[in-house]
C-alpha cells in the first residue's frame, strides 16, 4: 500500500509501483554507458545536440511532473537522468 513514511521508512511497493520503479531504474541506467563512452573518448560528434536538448527538456518536465505528484520513482529516476543527460550535453558542447 505505497511507501510508509513512519519511523523506519519501510518500502512497501505495490506491483504497479514496482514495475514503475524497475522501468525508471532501467531507463536511467541506460544513460551510463553513453556518458562513460563520451567521457573516455572525448568524442561527441555523432551525438545530436538538438535531440539531447529536446530530451533534456522532456526529462526536466517529467521531473516537475513527478514532484507535483510526489511520485518518488519518477522524481528519483528523472533527477538522475537529467543529471546524466546534462553531462552528455555539456560534453557535446565541449568535445562535439
PDB file of N, CA and C in Angstrom:
ATOM      1  N   UNK A   1       0.826  -1.191   0.000  1.00  0.00           N
ATOM      2  CA  UNK A   1       0.000   0.000   0.000  1.00  0.00           C
ATOM      3  C   UNK A   1       0.866   1.249   0.000  1.00  0.00           C
ATOM      4  N   UNK A   2       1.769   1.365  -0.902  1.00  0.00           N
ATOM      5  CA  UNK A   2       2.569   2.577  -1.010  1.00  0.00           C
ATOM      6  C   UNK A   2       3.731   2.594  -0.050  1.00  0.00           C
ATOM      7  N   UNK A   3       4.336   3.727   0.041  1.00  0.00           N
ATOM      8  CA  UNK A   3       5.513   3.910   0.875  1.00  0.00           C
ATOM      9  C   UNK A   3       5.082   4.369   2.259  1.00  0.00           C
ATOM     10  N   UNK A   4       5.619   3.732   3.269  1.00  0.00           N
ATOM     11  CA  UNK A   4       5.321   4.071   4.650  1.00  0.00           C
ATOM     12  C   UNK A   4       6.370   5.067   5.136  1.00  0.00           C
ATOM     13  N   UNK A   5       5.932   6.271   5.509  1.00  0.00           N
ATOM     14  CA  UNK A   5       6.869   7.292   5.954  1.00  0.00           C
ATOM     15  C   UNK A   5       6.975   7.334   7.469  1.00  0.00           C
ATOM     16  N   UNK A   6       6.769   6.214   8.119  1.00  0.00           N
ATOM     17  CA  UNK A   6       6.885   6.126   9.566  1.00  0.00           C
ATOM     18  C   UNK A   6       8.336   6.200   9.989  1.00  0.00           C
ATOM     19  N   UNK A   7       8.583   5.844  11.233  1.00  0.00           N
ATOM     20  CA  UNK A   7       9.932   5.943  11.796  1.00  0.00           C
ATOM     21  C   UNK A   7      10.971   5.143  11.019  1.00  0.00           C
ATOM     22  N   UNK A   8      10.619   3.957  10.566  1.00  0.00           N
ATOM     23  CA  UNK A   8      11.608   3.107   9.909  1.00  0.00           C
ATOM     24  C   UNK A   8      11.607   3.246   8.393  1.00  0.00           C
ATOM     25  N   UNK A   9      10.638   3.961   7.829  1.00  0.00           N
ATOM     26  CA  UNK A   9      10.504   4.174   6.392  1.00  0.00           C
ATOM     27  C   UNK A   9      10.657   2.871   5.606  1.00  0.00           C
ATOM     28  N   UNK A  10       9.699   1.988   5.762  1.00  0.00           N
ATOM     29  CA  UNK A  10       9.689   0.727   5.032  1.00  0.00           C
ATOM     30  C   UNK A  10       9.197   0.974   3.611  1.00  0.00           C
ATOM     31  N   UNK A  11       9.777   0.249   2.674  1.00  0.00           N
ATOM     32  CA  UNK A  11       9.360   0.358   1.285  1.00  0.00           C
ATOM     33  C   UNK A  11       8.403  -0.794   0.993  1.00  0.00           C
ATOM     34  N   UNK A  12       7.126  -0.510   0.958  1.00  0.00           N
ATOM     35  CA  UNK A  12       6.116  -1.497   0.608  1.00  0.00           C
ATOM     36  C   UNK A  12       5.545  -1.100  -0.743  1.00  0.00           C
ATOM     37  N   UNK A  13       6.171  -1.586  -1.796  1.00  0.00           N
ATOM     38  CA  UNK A  13       5.749  -1.199  -3.131  1.00  0.00           C
ATOM     39  C   UNK A  13       4.662  -2.140  -3.649  1.00  0.00           C
ATOM     40  N   UNK A  14       3.639  -1.542  -4.237  1.00  0.00           N
ATOM     41  CA  UNK A  14       2.610  -2.329  -4.913  1.00  0.00           C
ATOM     42  C   UNK A  14       3.205  -2.864  -6.206  1.00  0.00           C
ATOM     43  N   UNK A  15       2.552  -3.841  -6.847  1.00  0.00           N
ATOM     44  CA  UNK A  15       3.078  -4.322  -8.138  1.00  0.00           C
ATOM     45  C   UNK A  15       3.215  -3.207  -9.174  1.00  0.00           C
ATOM     46  N   UNK A  16       2.286  -2.273  -9.203  1.00  0.00           N
ATOM     47  CA  UNK A  16       2.360  -1.155 -10.149  1.00  0.00           C
ATOM     48  C   UNK A  16       3.568  -0.276  -9.833  1.00  0.00           C
ATOM     49  N   UNK A  17       3.777   0.041  -8.550  1.00  0.00           N
ATOM     50  CA  UNK A  17       4.931   0.855  -8.161  1.00  0.00           C
ATOM     51  C   UNK A  17       6.236   0.118  -8.419  1.00  0.00           C
ATOM     52  N   UNK A  18       6.234  -1.196  -8.243  1.00  0.00           N
ATOM     53  CA  UNK A  18       7.428  -1.992  -8.502  1.00  0.00           C
ATOM     54  C   UNK A  18       7.778  -1.957  -9.988  1.00  0.00           C
ATOM     55  N   UNK A  19       6.778  -2.109 -10.860  1.00  0.00           N
ATOM     56  CA  UNK A  19       7.008  -2.031 -12.301  1.00  0.00           C
ATOM     57  C   UNK A  19       7.523  -0.647 -12.680  1.00  0.00           C
ATOM     58  N   UNK A  20       6.901   0.400 -12.143  1.00  0.00           N
ATOM     59  CA  UNK A  20       7.350   1.768 -12.419  1.00  0.00           C
ATOM     60  C   UNK A  20       8.764   2.008 -11.941  1.00  0.00           C
ATOM     61  N   UNK A  21       9.085   1.504 -10.772  1.00  0.00           N
ATOM     62  CA  UNK A  21      10.432   1.680 -10.225  1.00  0.00           C
ATOM     63  C   UNK A  21      11.468   0.935 -11.059  1.00  0.00           C
ATOM     64  N   UNK A  22      11.138  -0.273 -11.482  1.00  0.00           N
ATOM     65  CA  UNK A  22      12.059  -1.046 -12.314  1.00  0.00           C
ATOM     66  C   UNK A  22      12.261  -0.373 -13.670  1.00  0.00           C
ATOM     67  N   UNK A  23      11.170   0.084 -14.280  1.00  0.00           N
ATOM     68  CA  UNK A  23      11.269   0.792 -15.562  1.00  0.00           C
ATOM     69  C   UNK A  23      12.121   2.051 -15.411  1.00  0.00           C
ATOM     70  N   UNK A  24      11.901   2.798 -14.347  1.00  0.00           N
ATOM     71  CA  UNK A  24      12.666   4.025 -14.101  1.00  0.00           C
ATOM     72  C   UNK A  24      14.146   3.709 -13.919  1.00  0.00           C
ATOM     73  N   UNK A  25      14.449   2.663 -13.163  1.00  0.00           N
ATOM     74  CA  UNK A  25      15.845   2.292 -12.924  1.00  0.00           C
ATOM     75  C   UNK A  25      16.536   1.878 -14.228  1.00  0.00           C
ATOM     76  N   UNK A  26      15.856   1.059 -15.033  1.00  0.00           N
ATOM     77  CA  UNK A  26      16.467   0.588 -16.277  1.00  0.00           C
ATOM     78  C   UNK A  26      16.692   1.717 -17.274  1.00  0.00           C
ATOM     79  N   UNK A  27      15.717   2.602 -17.438  1.00  0.00           N
ATOM     80  CA  UNK A  27      15.898   3.685 -18.398  1.00  0.00           C
ATOM     81  C   UNK A  27      16.944   4.690 -17.913  1.00  0.00           C
ATOM     82  N   UNK A  28      17.055   4.855 -16.618  1.00  0.00           N
ATOM     83  CA  UNK A  28      18.074   5.758 -16.070  1.00  0.00           C
ATOM     84  C   UNK A  28      19.463   5.167 -16.255  1.00  0.00           C
ATOM     85  N   UNK A  29      19.631   3.903 -15.909  1.00  0.00           N
ATOM     86  CA  UNK A  29      20.935   3.246 -16.022  1.00  0.00           C
ATOM     87  C   UNK A  29      21.383   3.157 -17.477  1.00  0.00           C
ATOM     88  N   UNK A  30      20.437   3.157 -18.420  1.00  0.00           N
ATOM     89  CA  UNK A  30      20.804   3.062 -19.832  1.00  0.00           C
ATOM     90  C   UNK A  30      21.646   4.243 -20.299  1.00  0.00           C
ATOM     91  N   UNK A  31      21.630   5.344 -19.575  1.00  0.00           N
ATOM     92  CA  UNK A  31      22.430   6.513 -19.955  1.00  0.00           C
ATOM     93  C   UNK A  31      23.883   6.421 -19.506  1.00  0.00           C
ATOM     94  N   UNK A  32      24.170   5.580 -18.556  1.00  0.00           N
ATOM     95  CA  UNK A  32      25.532   5.486 -18.020  1.00  0.00           C
ATOM     96  C   UNK A  32      26.545   5.103 -19.100  1.00  0.00           C
ATOM     97  N   UNK A  33      26.286   4.098 -19.957  1.00  0.00           N
ATOM     98  CA  UNK A  33      27.283   3.778 -20.987  1.00  0.00           C
ATOM     99  C   UNK A  33      27.575   4.945 -21.941  1.00  0.00           C
ATOM    100  N   UNK A  34      26.558   5.741 -22.270  1.00  0.00           N
ATOM    101  CA  UNK A  34      26.779   6.887 -23.161  1.00  0.00           C
ATOM    102  C   UNK A  34      27.679   7.921 -22.501  1.00  0.00           C
ATOM    103  N   UNK A  35      27.376   8.228 -21.249  1.00  0.00           N
ATOM    104  CA  UNK A  35      28.206   9.187 -20.504  1.00  0.00           C
ATOM    105  C   UNK A  35      29.629   8.660 -20.401  1.00  0.00           C
ATOM    106  N   UNK A  36      29.773   7.390 -20.071  1.00  0.00           N
ATOM    107  CA  UNK A  36      31.091   6.761 -19.913  1.00  0.00           C
ATOM    108  C   UNK A  36      31.886   6.841 -21.213  1.00  0.00           C
ATOM    109  N   UNK A  37      31.234   6.503 -22.327  1.00  0.00           N
ATOM    110  CA  UNK A  37      31.924   6.494 -23.621  1.00  0.00           C
ATOM    111  C   UNK A  37      32.389   7.893 -24.029  1.00  0.00           C
ATOM    112  N   UNK A  38      31.502   8.868 -23.922  1.00  0.00           N
ATOM    113  CA  UNK A  38      31.881  10.234 -24.311  1.00  0.00           C
ATOM    114  C   UNK A  38      32.965  10.761 -23.379  1.00  0.00           C
ATOM    115  N   UNK A  39      32.850  10.463 -22.105  1.00  0.00           N
ATOM    116  CA  UNK A  39      33.832  10.932 -21.117  1.00  0.00           C
ATOM    117  C   UNK A  39      35.224  10.393 -21.447  1.00  0.00           C
ATOM    118  N   UNK A  40      35.303   9.105 -21.782  1.00  0.00           N
ATOM    119  CA  UNK A  40      36.611   8.488 -22.026  1.00  0.00           C
ATOM    120  C   UNK A  40      37.169   8.755 -23.421  1.00  0.00           C
ATOM    121  N   UNK A  41      36.305   8.846 -24.415  1.00  0.00           N
ATOM    122  CA  UNK A  41      36.811   9.079 -25.773  1.00  0.00           C
ATOM    123  C   UNK A  41      36.980  10.558 -26.089  1.00  0.00           C
ATOM    124  N   UNK A  42      36.310  11.412 -25.324  1.00  0.00           N
ATOM    125  CA  UNK A  42      36.304  12.861 -25.587  1.00  0.00           C
ATOM    126  C   UNK A  42      35.797  13.135 -27.000  1.00  0.00           C
ATOM    127  N   UNK A  43      34.881  12.285 -27.467  1.00  0.00           N
ATOM    128  CA  UNK A  43      34.326  12.400 -28.810  1.00  0.00           C
ATOM    129  C   UNK A  43      32.808  12.377 -28.725  1.00  0.00           C
ATOM    130  N   UNK A  44      32.168  13.439 -29.197  1.00  0.00           N
ATOM    131  CA  UNK A  44      30.711  13.527 -29.154  1.00  0.00           C
ATOM    132  C   UNK A  44      30.132  14.016 -30.472  1.00  0.00           C
ATOM    133  N   UNK A  45      30.919  13.922 -31.542  1.00  0.00           N
ATOM    134  CA  UNK A  45      30.471  14.458 -32.831  1.00  0.00           C
ATOM    135  C   UNK A  45      29.234  13.737 -33.361  1.00  0.00           C
ATOM    136  N   UNK A  46      29.083  12.463 -33.040  1.00  0.00           N
ATOM    137  CA  UNK A  46      27.957  11.687 -33.559  1.00  0.00           C
ATOM    138  C   UNK A  46      26.674  11.853 -32.744  1.00  0.00           C
ATOM    139  N   UNK A  47      26.726  12.609 -31.693  1.00  0.00           N
ATOM    140  CA  UNK A  47      25.551  12.823 -30.843  1.00  0.00           C
ATOM    141  C   UNK A  47      24.818  14.075 -31.323  1.00  0.00           C
ATOM    142  N   UNK A  48      23.524  13.962 -31.479  1.00  0.00           N
ATOM    143  CA  UNK A  48      22.711  15.084 -31.935  1.00  0.00           C
ATOM    144  C   UNK A  48      22.441  16.045 -30.775  1.00  0.00           C
ATOM    145  N   UNK A  49      22.937  17.270 -30.899  1.00  0.00           N
ATOM    146  CA  UNK A  49      22.716  18.266 -29.850  1.00  0.00           C
ATOM    147  C   UNK A  49      21.238  18.620 -29.739  1.00  0.00           C
ATOM    148  N   UNK A  50      20.551  18.748 -30.869  1.00  0.00           N
ATOM    149  CA  UNK A  50      19.128  19.101 -30.801  1.00  0.00           C
ATOM    150  C   UNK A  50      18.330  17.991 -30.119  1.00  0.00           C
ATOM    151  N   UNK A  51      18.661  16.729 -30.401  1.00  0.00           N
ATOM    152  CA  UNK A  51      17.965  15.625 -29.734  1.00  0.00           C
ATOM    153  C   UNK A  51      18.184  15.692 -28.235  1.00  0.00           C
ATOM    154  N   UNK A  52      19.411  15.911 -27.803  1.00  0.00           N
ATOM    155  CA  UNK A  52      19.692  15.968 -26.372  1.00  0.00           C
ATOM    156  C   UNK A  52      19.042  17.187 -25.718  1.00  0.00           C
ATOM    157  N   UNK A  53      18.925  18.294 -26.435  1.00  0.00           N
ATOM    158  CA  UNK A  53      18.227  19.466 -25.891  1.00  0.00           C
ATOM    159  C   UNK A  53      16.753  19.148 -25.657  1.00  0.00           C
ATOM    160  N   UNK A  54      16.099  18.561 -26.670  1.00  0.00           N
ATOM    161  CA  UNK A  54      14.694  18.187 -26.513  1.00  0.00           C
ATOM    162  C   UNK A  54      14.522  17.133 -25.426  1.00  0.00           C
ATOM    163  N   UNK A  55      15.402  16.142 -25.429  1.00  0.00           N
ATOM    164  CA  UNK A  55      15.312  15.073 -24.447  1.00  0.00           C
ATOM    165  C   UNK A  55      15.488  15.616 -23.030  1.00  0.00           C
ATOM    166  N   UNK A  56      16.484  16.472 -22.840  1.00  0.00           N
ATOM    167  CA  UNK A  56      16.757  17.031 -21.516  1.00  0.00           C
ATOM    168  C   UNK A  56      15.586  17.881 -21.036  1.00  0.00           C
ATOM    169  N   UNK A  57      14.992  18.655 -21.926  1.00  0.00           N
ATOM    170  CA  UNK A  57      13.804  19.426 -21.562  1.00  0.00           C
ATOM    171  C   UNK A  57      12.658  18.496 -21.183  1.00  0.00           C
ATOM    172  N   UNK A  58      12.468  17.428 -21.947  1.00  0.00           N
ATOM    173  CA  UNK A  58      11.426  16.452 -21.616  1.00  0.00           C
ATOM    174  C   UNK A  58      11.648  15.804 -20.265  1.00  0.00           C
ATOM    175  N   UNK A  59      12.888  15.440 -19.967  1.00  0.00           N
ATOM    176  CA  UNK A  59      13.207  14.836 -18.672  1.00  0.00           C
ATOM    177  C   UNK A  59      12.969  15.839 -17.540  1.00  0.00           C
ATOM    178  N   UNK A  60      13.318  17.095 -17.773  1.00  0.00           N
ATOM    179  CA  UNK A  60      13.078  18.131 -16.763  1.00  0.00           C
ATOM    180  C   UNK A  60      11.579  18.264 -16.482  1.00  0.00           C
ATOM    181  N   UNK A  61      10.768  18.201 -17.538  1.00  0.00           N
ATOM    182  CA  UNK A  61       9.319  18.278 -17.347  1.00  0.00           C
ATOM    183  C   UNK A  61       8.780  17.043 -16.637  1.00  0.00           C
ATOM    184  N   UNK A  62       9.330  15.854 -16.949  1.00  0.00           N
ATOM    185  CA  UNK A  62       8.949  14.649 -16.212  1.00  0.00           C
ATOM    186  C   UNK A  62       9.300  14.796 -14.731  1.00  0.00           C
ATOM    187  N   UNK A  63      10.441  15.399 -14.455  1.00  0.00           N
ATOM    188  CA  UNK A  63      10.842  15.620 -13.064  1.00  0.00           C
ATOM    189  C   UNK A  63       9.844  16.533 -12.360  1.00  0.00           C
ATOM    190  N   UNK A  64       9.458  17.621 -12.995  1.00  0.00           N
ATOM    191  CA  UNK A  64       8.455  18.530 -12.419  1.00  0.00           C
ATOM    192  C   UNK A  64       7.146  17.779 -12.197  1.00  0.00           C
ATOM    193  N   UNK A  65       6.738  16.991 -13.176  1.00  0.00           N
ATOM    194  CA  UNK A  65       5.516  16.185 -13.066  1.00  0.00           C
ATOM    195  C   UNK A  65       5.596  15.256 -11.856  1.00  0.00           C
ATOM    196  N   UNK A  66       6.720  14.572 -11.702  1.00  0.00           N
ATOM    197  CA  UNK A  66       6.906  13.682 -10.555  1.00  0.00           C
ATOM    198  C   UNK A  66       6.858  14.421  -9.235  1.00  0.00           C
ATOM    199  N   UNK A  67       7.449  15.609  -9.206  1.00  0.00           N
ATOM    200  CA  UNK A  67       7.429  16.421  -7.982  1.00  0.00           C
ATOM    201  C   UNK A  67       6.003  16.839  -7.652  1.00  0.00           C
ATOM    202  N   UNK A  68       5.248  17.250  -8.664  1.00  0.00           N
ATOM    203  CA  UNK A  68       3.857  17.665  -8.437  1.00  0.00           C
ATOM    204  C   UNK A  68       3.004  16.505  -7.930  1.00  0.00           C
ATOM    205  N   UNK A  69       3.296  15.293  -8.411  1.00  0.00           N
ATOM    206  CA  UNK A  69       2.554  14.107  -7.967  1.00  0.00           C
ATOM    207  C   UNK A  69       3.122  13.492  -6.694  1.00  0.00           C
ATOM    208  N   UNK A  70       4.306  13.949  -6.287  1.00  0.00           N
ATOM    209  CA  UNK A  70       5.064  13.342  -5.195  1.00  0.00           C
ATOM    210  C   UNK A  70       5.235  11.842  -5.479  1.00  0.00           C
ATOM    211  N   UNK A  71       5.666  11.547  -6.691  1.00  0.00           N
ATOM    212  CA  UNK A  71       5.889  10.175  -7.136  1.00  0.00           C
ATOM    213  C   UNK A  71       7.392   9.912  -7.128  1.00  0.00           C
ATOM    214  N   UNK A  72       7.870   9.278  -6.071  1.00  0.00           N
ATOM    215  CA  UNK A  72       9.306   9.119  -5.875  1.00  0.00           C
ATOM    216  C   UNK A  72      10.033   8.370  -6.982  1.00  0.00           C
ATOM    217  N   UNK A  73       9.484   7.302  -7.559  1.00  0.00           N
ATOM    218  CA  UNK A  73      10.214   6.668  -8.673  1.00  0.00           C
ATOM    219  C   UNK A  73      10.423   7.636  -9.837  1.00  0.00           C
ATOM    220  N   UNK A  74       9.431   8.458 -10.137  1.00  0.00           N
ATOM    221  CA  UNK A  74       9.554   9.433 -11.225  1.00  0.00           C
ATOM    222  C   UNK A  74      10.554  10.521 -10.853  1.00  0.00           C
ATOM    223  N   UNK A  75      10.505  10.989  -9.625  1.00  0.00           N
ATOM    224  CA  UNK A  75      11.412  12.046  -9.166  1.00  0.00           C
ATOM    225  C   UNK A  75      12.859  11.572  -9.195  1.00  0.00           C
ATOM    226  N   UNK A  76      13.117  10.431  -8.593  1.00  0.00           N
ATOM    227  CA  UNK A  76      14.494   9.932  -8.490  1.00  0.00           C
ATOM    228  C   UNK A  76      15.059   9.606  -9.872  1.00  0.00           C
ATOM    229  N   UNK A  77      14.293   8.848 -10.660  1.00  0.00           N
ATOM    230  CA  UNK A  77      14.792   8.447 -11.975  1.00  0.00           C
ATOM    231  C   UNK A  77      15.047   9.644 -12.874  1.00  0.00           C
ATOM    232  N   UNK A  78      14.112  10.569 -12.911  1.00  0.00           N
ATOM    233  CA  UNK A  78      14.288  11.720 -13.799  1.00  0.00           C
ATOM    234  C   UNK A  78      15.307  12.713 -13.266  1.00  0.00           C
ATOM    235  N   UNK A  79      15.481  12.801 -11.972  1.00  0.00           N
ATOM    236  CA  UNK A  79      16.549  13.637 -11.421  1.00  0.00           C
ATOM    237  C   UNK A  79      17.913  13.125 -11.841  1.00  0.00           C
ATOM    238  N   UNK A  80      18.104  11.800 -11.732  1.00  0.00           N
ATOM    239  CA  UNK A  80      19.380  11.199 -12.130  1.00  0.00           C
ATOM    240  C   UNK A  80      19.556  11.280 -13.650  1.00  0.00           C
ATOM    241  N   UNK A  81      18.496  10.973 -14.406  1.00  0.00           N
ATOM    242  CA  UNK A  81      18.583  11.036 -15.866  1.00  0.00           C
ATOM    243  C   UNK A  81      18.865  12.456 -16.337  1.00  0.00           C
ATOM    244  N   UNK A  82      18.262  13.441 -15.696  1.00  0.00           N
ATOM    245  CA  UNK A  82      18.526  14.840 -16.045  1.00  0.00           C
ATOM    246  C   UNK A  82      20.000  15.168 -15.837  1.00  0.00           C
ATOM    247  N   UNK A  83      20.559  14.702 -14.746  1.00  0.00           N
ATOM    248  CA  UNK A  83      21.984  14.914 -14.481  1.00  0.00           C
ATOM    249  C   UNK A  83      22.843  14.252 -15.568  1.00  0.00           C
ATOM    250  N   UNK A  84      22.543  12.989 -15.891  1.00  0.00           N
ATOM    251  CA  UNK A  84      23.328  12.276 -16.896  1.00  0.00           C
ATOM    252  C   UNK A  84      23.183  12.912 -18.279  1.00  0.00           C
ATOM    253  N   UNK A  85      21.960  13.258 -18.665  1.00  0.00           N
ATOM    254  CA  UNK A  85      21.747  13.900 -19.971  1.00  0.00           C
ATOM    255  C   UNK A  85      22.431  15.261 -20.010  1.00  0.00           C
ATOM    256  N   UNK A  86      22.415  15.972 -18.898  1.00  0.00           N
ATOM    257  CA  UNK A  86      23.106  17.259 -18.817  1.00  0.00           C
ATOM    258  C   UNK A  86      24.605  17.108 -18.997  1.00  0.00           C
ATOM    259  N   UNK A  87      25.160  16.064 -18.410  1.00  0.00           N
ATOM    260  CA  UNK A  87      26.596  15.800 -18.564  1.00  0.00           C
ATOM    261  C   UNK A  87      26.928  15.530 -20.031  1.00  0.00           C
ATOM    262  N   UNK A  88      26.098  14.721 -20.699  1.00  0.00           N
ATOM    263  CA  UNK A  88      26.333  14.446 -22.121  1.00  0.00           C
ATOM    264  C   UNK A  88      26.229  15.734 -22.934  1.00  0.00           C
ATOM    265  N   UNK A  89      25.246  16.577 -22.627  1.00  0.00           N
ATOM    266  CA  UNK A  89      25.105  17.838 -23.366  1.00  0.00           C
ATOM    267  C   UNK A  89      26.326  18.728 -23.166  1.00  0.00           C
ATOM    268  N   UNK A  90      26.803  18.835 -21.957  1.00  0.00           N
ATOM    269  CA  UNK A  90      27.993  19.655 -21.689  1.00  0.00           C
ATOM    270  C   UNK A  90      29.196  19.101 -22.450  1.00  0.00           C
ATOM    271  N   UNK A  91      29.352  17.781 -22.417  1.00  0.00           N
ATOM    272  CA  UNK A  91      30.483  17.183 -23.144  1.00  0.00           C
ATOM    273  C   UNK A  91      30.319  17.348 -24.658  1.00  0.00           C
ATOM    274  N   UNK A  92      29.075  17.298 -25.141  1.00  0.00           N
ATOM    275  CA  UNK A  92      28.826  17.544 -26.563  1.00  0.00           C
ATOM    276  C   UNK A  92      29.263  18.952 -26.936  1.00  0.00           C
ATOM    277  N   UNK A  93      28.942  19.919 -26.112  1.00  0.00           N
ATOM    278  CA  UNK A  93      29.345  21.306 -26.376  1.00  0.00           C
ATOM    279  C   UNK A  93      30.862  21.472 -26.278  1.00  0.00           C
ATOM    280  N   UNK A  94      31.465  20.731 -25.363  1.00  0.00           N
ATOM    281  CA  UNK A  94      32.914  20.857 -25.163  1.00  0.00           C
ATOM    282  C   UNK A  94      33.715  20.072 -26.199  1.00  0.00           C
ATOM    283  N   UNK A  95      33.304  18.835 -26.502  1.00  0.00           N
ATOM    284  CA  UNK A  95      34.087  17.961 -27.374  1.00  0.00           C
ATOM    285  C   UNK A  95      33.492  17.819 -28.778  1.00  0.00           C
ATOM    286  N   UNK A  96      32.208  18.209 -28.956  1.00  0.00           N
ATOM    287  CA  UNK A  96      31.467  17.837 -30.143  1.00  0.00           C
ATOM    288  C   UNK A  96      31.751  18.635 -31.366  1.00  0.00           C
TER     289      UNK A  96
END
